[in-house]
Amino acid sequence: MTRYRDLSGNSGVVAYRIGTDHIAVEFRSGDMYLYTYHKPGKVAVEDMKRLAEAGRGLSTYISQHVRDDYEARI
């Protein structure tokens, strides 16, 4: 897992792992979710990868656009 930089200082995301067709995201609560090209889809996953690497906006994106549309809870 890669530690999320959290440039805003108040993200619920603490770490992430990027794969070719997915991203796994760990939240401050300790919960971890897998988002894939299958669910929530390629566009969302690629947006999430970009935000994760930028260190800003990932938690907001998930809460506003993805919500509970994840492939699996890890």
PDB file of N, CA and C in Angstrom:
ATOM      1  N   MET A   1       0.849  -1.186   0.000  1.00  0.00           N
ATOM      2  CA  MET A   1       0.000   0.000   0.000  1.00  0.00           C
ATOM      3  C   MET A   1       0.890   1.244   0.000  1.00  0.00           C
ATOM      4  N   THR A   2       0.405   2.252  -0.672  1.00  0.00           N
ATOM      5  CA  THR A   2       1.080   3.545  -0.706  1.00  0.00           C
ATOM      6  C   THR A   2       0.322   4.501   0.188  1.00  0.00           C
ATOM      7  N   ARG A   3       1.020   5.187   1.055  1.00  0.00           N
ATOM      8  CA  ARG A   3       0.370   6.145   1.935  1.00  0.00           C
ATOM      9  C   ARG A   3      -0.166   7.310   1.106  1.00  0.00           C
ATOM     10  N   TYR A   4      -1.426   7.647   1.344  1.00  0.00           N
ATOM     11  CA  TYR A   4      -2.068   8.774   0.664  1.00  0.00           C
ATOM     12  C   TYR A   4      -1.509  10.068   1.227  1.00  0.00           C
ATOM     13  N   ARG A   5      -1.064  10.978   0.366  1.00  0.00           N
ATOM     14  CA  ARG A   5      -0.418  12.212   0.830  1.00  0.00           C
ATOM     15  C   ARG A   5      -1.367  13.173   1.538  1.00  0.00           C
ATOM     16  N   ASP A   6      -2.643  13.147   1.244  1.00  0.00           N
ATOM     17  CA  ASP A   6      -3.648  13.968   1.924  1.00  0.00           C
ATOM     18  C   ASP A   6      -3.233  15.437   2.011  1.00  0.00           C
ATOM     19  N   LEU A   7      -3.064  16.061   0.865  1.00  0.00           N
ATOM     20  CA  LEU A   7      -2.637  17.454   0.819  1.00  0.00           C
ATOM     21  C   LEU A   7      -3.644  18.416   1.442  1.00  0.00           C
ATOM     22  N   SER A   8      -4.910  18.014   1.518  1.00  0.00           N
ATOM     23  CA  SER A   8      -5.914  18.877   2.143  1.00  0.00           C
ATOM     24  C   SER A   8      -5.869  18.768   3.665  1.00  0.00           C
ATOM     25  N   GLY A   9      -5.308  17.676   4.185  1.00  0.00           N
ATOM     26  CA  GLY A   9      -5.166  17.511   5.625  1.00  0.00           C
ATOM     27  C   GLY A   9      -6.367  16.942   6.351  1.00  0.00           C
ATOM     28  N   ASN A  10      -7.427  16.579   5.626  1.00  0.00           N
ATOM     29  CA  ASN A  10      -8.613  16.068   6.327  1.00  0.00           C
ATOM     30  C   ASN A  10      -9.293  14.912   5.592  1.00  0.00           C
ATOM     31  N   SER A  11      -8.533  14.148   4.849  1.00  0.00           N
ATOM     32  CA  SER A  11      -9.102  13.056   4.061  1.00  0.00           C
ATOM     33  C   SER A  11      -9.432  11.849   4.926  1.00  0.00           C
ATOM     34  N   GLY A  12     -10.432  11.102   4.498  1.00  0.00           N
ATOM     35  CA  GLY A  12     -10.753   9.841   5.129  1.00  0.00           C
ATOM     36  C   GLY A  12      -9.912   8.701   4.578  1.00  0.00           C
ATOM     37  N   VAL A  13      -9.154   8.967   3.505  1.00  0.00           N
ATOM     38  CA  VAL A  13      -8.296   7.962   2.882  1.00  0.00           C
ATOM     39  C   VAL A  13      -6.916   8.007   3.522  1.00  0.00           C
ATOM     40  N   VAL A  14      -6.358   6.832   3.835  1.00  0.00           N
ATOM     41  CA  VAL A  14      -5.005   6.787   4.399  1.00  0.00           C
ATOM     42  C   VAL A  14      -4.010   6.106   3.472  1.00  0.00           C
ATOM     43  N   ALA A  15      -4.458   5.187   2.605  1.00  0.00           N
ATOM     44  CA  ALA A  15      -3.532   4.481   1.729  1.00  0.00           C
ATOM     45  C   ALA A  15      -4.284   3.927   0.524  1.00  0.00           C
ATOM     46  N   TYR A  16      -3.514   3.576  -0.495  1.00  0.00           N
ATOM     47  CA  TYR A  16      -4.099   3.015  -1.711  1.00  0.00           C
ATOM     48  C   TYR A  16      -3.081   2.105  -2.389  1.00  0.00           C
ATOM     49  N   ARG A  17      -3.588   1.228  -3.254  1.00  0.00           N
ATOM     50  CA  ARG A  17      -2.740   0.369  -4.076  1.00  0.00           C
ATOM     51  C   ARG A  17      -3.338   0.358  -5.477  1.00  0.00           C
ATOM     52  N   ILE A  18      -2.544   0.723  -6.454  1.00  0.00           N
ATOM     53  CA  ILE A  18      -3.006   0.806  -7.836  1.00  0.00           C
ATOM     54  C   ILE A  18      -2.573  -0.429  -8.602  1.00  0.00           C
ATOM     55  N   GLY A  19      -3.514  -0.997  -9.354  1.00  0.00           N
ATOM     56  CA  GLY A  19      -3.244  -2.090 -10.278  1.00  0.00           C
ATOM     57  C   GLY A  19      -3.642  -1.658 -11.676  1.00  0.00           C
ATOM     58  N   THR A  20      -3.418  -2.511 -12.630  1.00  0.00           N
ATOM     59  CA  THR A  20      -3.723  -2.184 -14.022  1.00  0.00           C
ATOM     60  C   THR A  20      -5.188  -1.807 -14.220  1.00  0.00           C
ATOM     61  N   ASP A  21      -6.085  -2.596 -13.635  1.00  0.00           N
ATOM     62  CA  ASP A  21      -7.520  -2.394 -13.847  1.00  0.00           C
ATOM     63  C   ASP A  21      -8.289  -2.188 -12.547  1.00  0.00           C
ATOM     64  N   HIS A  22      -7.584  -1.743 -11.515  1.00  0.00           N
ATOM     65  CA  HIS A  22      -8.258  -1.560 -10.224  1.00  0.00           C
ATOM     66  C   HIS A  22      -7.466  -0.611  -9.311  1.00  0.00           C
ATOM     67  N   ILE A  23      -8.128  -0.235  -8.226  1.00  0.00           N
ATOM     68  CA  ILE A  23      -7.478   0.495  -7.143  1.00  0.00           C
ATOM     69  C   ILE A  23      -8.097   0.004  -5.834  1.00  0.00           C
ATOM     70  N   ALA A  24      -7.258  -0.269  -4.871  1.00  0.00           N
ATOM     71  CA  ALA A  24      -7.715  -0.612  -3.526  1.00  0.00           C
ATOM     72  C   ALA A  24      -7.478   0.614  -2.658  1.00  0.00           C
ATOM     73  N   VAL A  25      -8.451   0.956  -1.852  1.00  0.00           N
ATOM     74  CA  VAL A  25      -8.371   2.159  -1.024  1.00  0.00           C
ATOM     75  C   VAL A  25      -8.627   1.785   0.431  1.00  0.00           C
ATOM     76  N   GLU A  26      -7.728   2.220   1.308  1.00  0.00           N
ATOM     77  CA  GLU A  26      -7.895   2.022   2.751  1.00  0.00           C
ATOM     78  C   GLU A  26      -8.317   3.349   3.377  1.00  0.00           C
ATOM     79  N   PHE A  27      -9.354   3.275   4.196  1.00  0.00           N
ATOM     80  CA  PHE A  27      -9.893   4.467   4.850  1.00  0.00           C
ATOM     81  C   PHE A  27      -9.410   4.559   6.290  1.00  0.00           C
ATOM     82  N   ARG A  28      -9.549   5.720   6.859  1.00  0.00           N
ATOM     83  CA  ARG A  28      -9.137   5.975   8.238  1.00  0.00           C
ATOM     84  C   ARG A  28      -9.785   5.001   9.212  1.00  0.00           C
ATOM     85  N   SER A  29     -10.980   4.544   8.907  1.00  0.00           N
ATOM     86  CA  SER A  29     -11.709   3.592   9.762  1.00  0.00           C
ATOM     87  C   SER A  29     -11.051   2.217   9.785  1.00  0.00           C
ATOM     88  N   GLY A  30     -10.124   1.972   8.851  1.00  0.00           N
ATOM     89  CA  GLY A  30      -9.497   0.663   8.727  1.00  0.00           C
ATOM     90  C   GLY A  30     -10.137  -0.186   7.640  1.00  0.00           C
ATOM     91  N   ASP A  31     -11.295   0.232   7.140  1.00  0.00           N
ATOM     92  CA  ASP A  31     -11.964  -0.490   6.060  1.00  0.00           C
ATOM     93  C   ASP A  31     -11.178  -0.303   4.760  1.00  0.00           C
ATOM     94  N   MET A  32     -11.162  -1.361   3.939  1.00  0.00           N
ATOM     95  CA  MET A  32     -10.495  -1.293   2.653  1.00  0.00           C
ATOM     96  C   MET A  32     -11.445  -1.808   1.580  1.00  0.00           C
ATOM     97  N   TYR A  33     -11.488  -1.101   0.463  1.00  0.00           N
ATOM     98  CA  TYR A  33     -12.392  -1.448  -0.625  1.00  0.00           C
ATOM     99  C   TYR A  33     -11.633  -1.559  -1.931  1.00  0.00           C
ATOM    100  N   LEU A  34     -12.113  -2.469  -2.781  1.00  0.00           N
ATOM    101  CA  LEU A  34     -11.547  -2.678  -4.095  1.00  0.00           C
ATOM    102  C   LEU A  34     -12.502  -2.114  -5.140  1.00  0.00           C
ATOM    103  N   TYR A  35     -11.985  -1.230  -5.973  1.00  0.00           N
ATOM    104  CA  TYR A  35     -12.743  -0.625  -7.066  1.00  0.00           C
ATOM    105  C   TYR A  35     -12.101  -1.094  -8.361  1.00  0.00           C
ATOM    106  N   THR A  36     -12.904  -1.638  -9.289  1.00  0.00           N
ATOM    107  CA  THR A  36     -12.360  -2.238 -10.503  1.00  0.00           C
ATOM    108  C   THR A  36     -13.018  -1.655 -11.759  1.00  0.00           C
ATOM    109  N   TYR A  37     -12.434  -2.024 -12.907  1.00  0.00           N
ATOM    110  CA  TYR A  37     -13.035  -1.625 -14.183  1.00  0.00           C
ATOM    111  C   TYR A  37     -14.449  -2.187 -14.301  1.00  0.00           C
ATOM    112  N   HIS A  38     -14.713  -3.314 -13.634  1.00  0.00           N
ATOM    113  CA  HIS A  38     -16.052  -3.902 -13.659  1.00  0.00           C
ATOM    114  C   HIS A  38     -17.016  -3.082 -12.808  1.00  0.00           C
ATOM    115  N   LYS A  39     -16.550  -2.669 -11.637  1.00  0.00           N
ATOM    116  CA  LYS A  39     -17.403  -1.938 -10.703  1.00  0.00           C
ATOM    117  C   LYS A  39     -16.545  -0.997  -9.874  1.00  0.00           C
ATOM    118  N   PRO A  40     -16.615   0.261 -10.011  1.00  0.00           N
ATOM    119  CA  PRO A  40     -17.636   1.113 -10.615  1.00  0.00           C
ATOM    120  C   PRO A  40     -17.423   1.439 -12.093  1.00  0.00           C
ATOM    121  N   GLY A  41     -16.340   0.942 -12.709  1.00  0.00           N
ATOM    122  CA  GLY A  41     -16.103   1.181 -14.128  1.00  0.00           C
ATOM    123  C   GLY A  41     -14.746   1.831 -14.382  1.00  0.00           C
ATOM    124  N   LYS A  42     -14.315   1.711 -15.633  1.00  0.00           N
ATOM    125  CA  LYS A  42     -12.987   2.188 -16.026  1.00  0.00           C
ATOM    126  C   LYS A  42     -12.799   3.687 -15.790  1.00  0.00           C
ATOM    127  N   VAL A  43     -13.773   4.492 -16.168  1.00  0.00           N
ATOM    128  CA  VAL A  43     -13.638   5.952 -16.033  1.00  0.00           C
ATOM    129  C   VAL A  43     -13.451   6.328 -14.568  1.00  0.00           C
ATOM    130  N   ALA A  44     -14.279   5.786 -13.702  1.00  0.00           N
ATOM    131  CA  ALA A  44     -14.179   6.104 -12.274  1.00  0.00           C
ATOM    132  C   ALA A  44     -12.852   5.630 -11.690  1.00  0.00           C
ATOM    133  N   VAL A  45     -12.424   4.425 -12.038  1.00  0.00           N
ATOM    134  CA  VAL A  45     -11.173   3.889 -11.506  1.00  0.00           C
ATOM    135  C   VAL A  45      -9.988   4.731 -11.969  1.00  0.00           C
ATOM    136  N   GLU A  46      -9.982   5.125 -13.234  1.00  0.00           N
ATOM    137  CA  GLU A  46      -8.884   5.956 -13.733  1.00  0.00           C
ATOM    138  C   GLU A  46      -8.889   7.332 -13.062  1.00  0.00           C
ATOM    139  N   ASP A  47     -10.067   7.891 -12.819  1.00  0.00           N
ATOM    140  CA  ASP A  47     -10.157   9.156 -12.069  1.00  0.00           C
ATOM    141  C   ASP A  47      -9.602   8.983 -10.661  1.00  0.00           C
ATOM    142  N   MET A  48      -9.964   7.869 -10.019  1.00  0.00           N
ATOM    143  CA  MET A  48      -9.504   7.611  -8.654  1.00  0.00           C
ATOM    144  C   MET A  48      -7.988   7.414  -8.605  1.00  0.00           C
ATOM    145  N   LYS A  49      -7.423   6.725  -9.596  1.00  0.00           N
ATOM    146  CA  LYS A  49      -5.966   6.558  -9.662  1.00  0.00           C
ATOM    147  C   LYS A  49      -5.277   7.920  -9.746  1.00  0.00           C
ATOM    148  N   ARG A  50      -5.786   8.765 -10.623  1.00  0.00           N
ATOM    149  CA  ARG A  50      -5.205  10.101 -10.808  1.00  0.00           C
ATOM    150  C   ARG A  50      -5.261  10.907  -9.513  1.00  0.00           C
ATOM    151  N   LEU A  51      -6.392  10.881  -8.839  1.00  0.00           N
ATOM    152  CA  LEU A  51      -6.548  11.622  -7.588  1.00  0.00           C
ATOM    153  C   LEU A  51      -5.667  11.043  -6.485  1.00  0.00           C
ATOM    154  N   ALA A  52      -5.547   9.725  -6.442  1.00  0.00           N
ATOM    155  CA  ALA A  52      -4.698   9.083  -5.435  1.00  0.00           C
ATOM    156  C   ALA A  52      -3.252   9.533  -5.600  1.00  0.00           C
ATOM    157  N   GLU A  53      -2.770   9.517  -6.825  1.00  0.00           N
ATOM    158  CA  GLU A  53      -1.386   9.917  -7.074  1.00  0.00           C
ATOM    159  C   GLU A  53      -1.168  11.403  -6.837  1.00  0.00           C
ATOM    160  N   ALA A  54      -2.206  12.203  -7.044  1.00  0.00           N
ATOM    161  CA  ALA A  54      -2.109  13.643  -6.797  1.00  0.00           C
ATOM    162  C   ALA A  54      -2.143  13.962  -5.305  1.00  0.00           C
ATOM    163  N   GLY A  55      -2.727  13.052  -4.503  1.00  0.00           N
ATOM    164  CA  GLY A  55      -2.801  13.271  -3.063  1.00  0.00           C
ATOM    165  C   GLY A  55      -3.888  14.220  -2.620  1.00  0.00           C
ATOM    166  N   ARG A  56      -4.865  14.425  -3.473  1.00  0.00           N
ATOM    167  CA  ARG A  56      -5.940  15.367  -3.134  1.00  0.00           C
ATOM    168  C   ARG A  56      -7.227  14.997  -3.870  1.00  0.00           C
ATOM    169  N   GLY A  57      -8.341  14.965  -3.133  1.00  0.00           N
ATOM    170  CA  GLY A  57      -9.658  14.813  -3.736  1.00  0.00           C
ATOM    171  C   GLY A  57     -10.215  13.409  -3.822  1.00  0.00           C
ATOM    172  N   LEU A  58      -9.460  12.397  -3.418  1.00  0.00           N
ATOM    173  CA  LEU A  58      -9.920  11.017  -3.580  1.00  0.00           C
ATOM    174  C   LEU A  58     -11.130  10.705  -2.707  1.00  0.00           C
ATOM    175  N   SER A  59     -11.085  11.047  -1.451  1.00  0.00           N
ATOM    176  CA  SER A  59     -12.203  10.770  -0.545  1.00  0.00           C
ATOM    177  C   SER A  59     -13.471  11.483  -1.006  1.00  0.00           C
ATOM    178  N   THR A  60     -13.335  12.725  -1.419  1.00  0.00           N
ATOM    179  CA  THR A  60     -14.485  13.489  -1.899  1.00  0.00           C
ATOM    180  C   THR A  60     -15.058  12.853  -3.157  1.00  0.00           C
ATOM    181  N   TYR A  61     -14.192  12.453  -4.071  1.00  0.00           N
ATOM    182  CA  TYR A  61     -14.651  11.810  -5.308  1.00  0.00           C
ATOM    183  C   TYR A  61     -15.439  10.540  -4.989  1.00  0.00           C
ATOM    184  N   ILE A  62     -14.902   9.729  -4.099  1.00  0.00           N
ATOM    185  CA  ILE A  62     -15.583   8.484  -3.739  1.00  0.00           C
ATOM    186  C   ILE A  62     -16.951   8.776  -3.121  1.00  0.00           C
ATOM    187  N   SER A  63     -17.012   9.719  -2.206  1.00  0.00           N
ATOM    188  CA  SER A  63     -18.291   9.997  -1.539  1.00  0.00           C
ATOM    189  C   SER A  63     -19.306  10.651  -2.479  1.00  0.00           C
ATOM    190  N   GLN A  64     -18.849  11.411  -3.464  1.00  0.00           N
ATOM    191  CA  GLN A  64     -19.779  12.101  -4.355  1.00  0.00           C
ATOM    192  C   GLN A  64     -20.155  11.309  -5.599  1.00  0.00           C
ATOM    193  N   HIS A  65     -19.257  10.444  -6.081  1.00  0.00           N
ATOM    194  CA  HIS A  65     -19.491   9.785  -7.364  1.00  0.00           C
ATOM    195  C   HIS A  65     -19.582   8.264  -7.298  1.00  0.00           C
ATOM    196  N   VAL A  66     -18.894   7.645  -6.365  1.00  0.00           N
ATOM    197  CA  VAL A  66     -18.809   6.187  -6.341  1.00  0.00           C
ATOM    198  C   VAL A  66     -19.691   5.590  -5.248  1.00  0.00           C
ATOM    199  N   ARG A  67     -19.656   6.203  -4.089  1.00  0.00           N
ATOM    200  CA  ARG A  67     -20.412   5.743  -2.923  1.00  0.00           C
ATOM    201  C   ARG A  67     -20.200   4.254  -2.666  1.00  0.00           C
ATOM    202  N   ASP A  68     -21.237   3.454  -2.733  1.00  0.00           N
ATOM    203  CA  ASP A  68     -21.153   2.023  -2.418  1.00  0.00           C
ATOM    204  C   ASP A  68     -20.954   1.147  -3.657  1.00  0.00           C
ATOM    205  N   ASP A  69     -20.575   1.745  -4.766  1.00  0.00           N
ATOM    206  CA  ASP A  69     -20.403   0.993  -6.010  1.00  0.00           C
ATOM    207  C   ASP A  69     -18.974   0.450  -6.109  1.00  0.00           C
ATOM    208  N   TYR A  70     -18.639  -0.487  -5.232  1.00  0.00           N
ATOM    209  CA  TYR A  70     -17.294  -1.082  -5.207  1.00  0.00           C
ATOM    210  C   TYR A  70     -17.403  -2.559  -5.550  1.00  0.00           C
ATOM    211  N   GLU A  71     -16.282  -3.141  -5.973  1.00  0.00           N
ATOM    212  CA  GLU A  71     -16.248  -4.559  -6.328  1.00  0.00           C
ATOM    213  C   GLU A  71     -16.277  -5.446  -5.096  1.00  0.00           C
ATOM    214  N   ALA A  72     -15.469  -5.079  -4.082  1.00  0.00           N
ATOM    215  CA  ALA A  72     -15.392  -5.928  -2.889  1.00  0.00           C
ATOM    216  C   ALA A  72     -14.876  -5.118  -1.693  1.00  0.00           C
ATOM    217  N   ARG A  73     -15.285  -5.566  -0.530  1.00  0.00           N
ATOM    218  CA  ARG A  73     -14.712  -5.058   0.706  1.00  0.00           C
ATOM    219  C   ARG A  73     -13.615  -6.047   1.076  1.00  0.00           C
ATOM    220  N   ILE A  74     -12.428  -5.549   1.281  1.00  0.00           N
ATOM    221  CA  ILE A  74     -11.287  -6.415   1.534  1.00  0.00           C
ATOM    222  C   ILE A  74     -11.063  -6.576   3.028  1.00  0.00           C
TER     223      ILE A  74
END
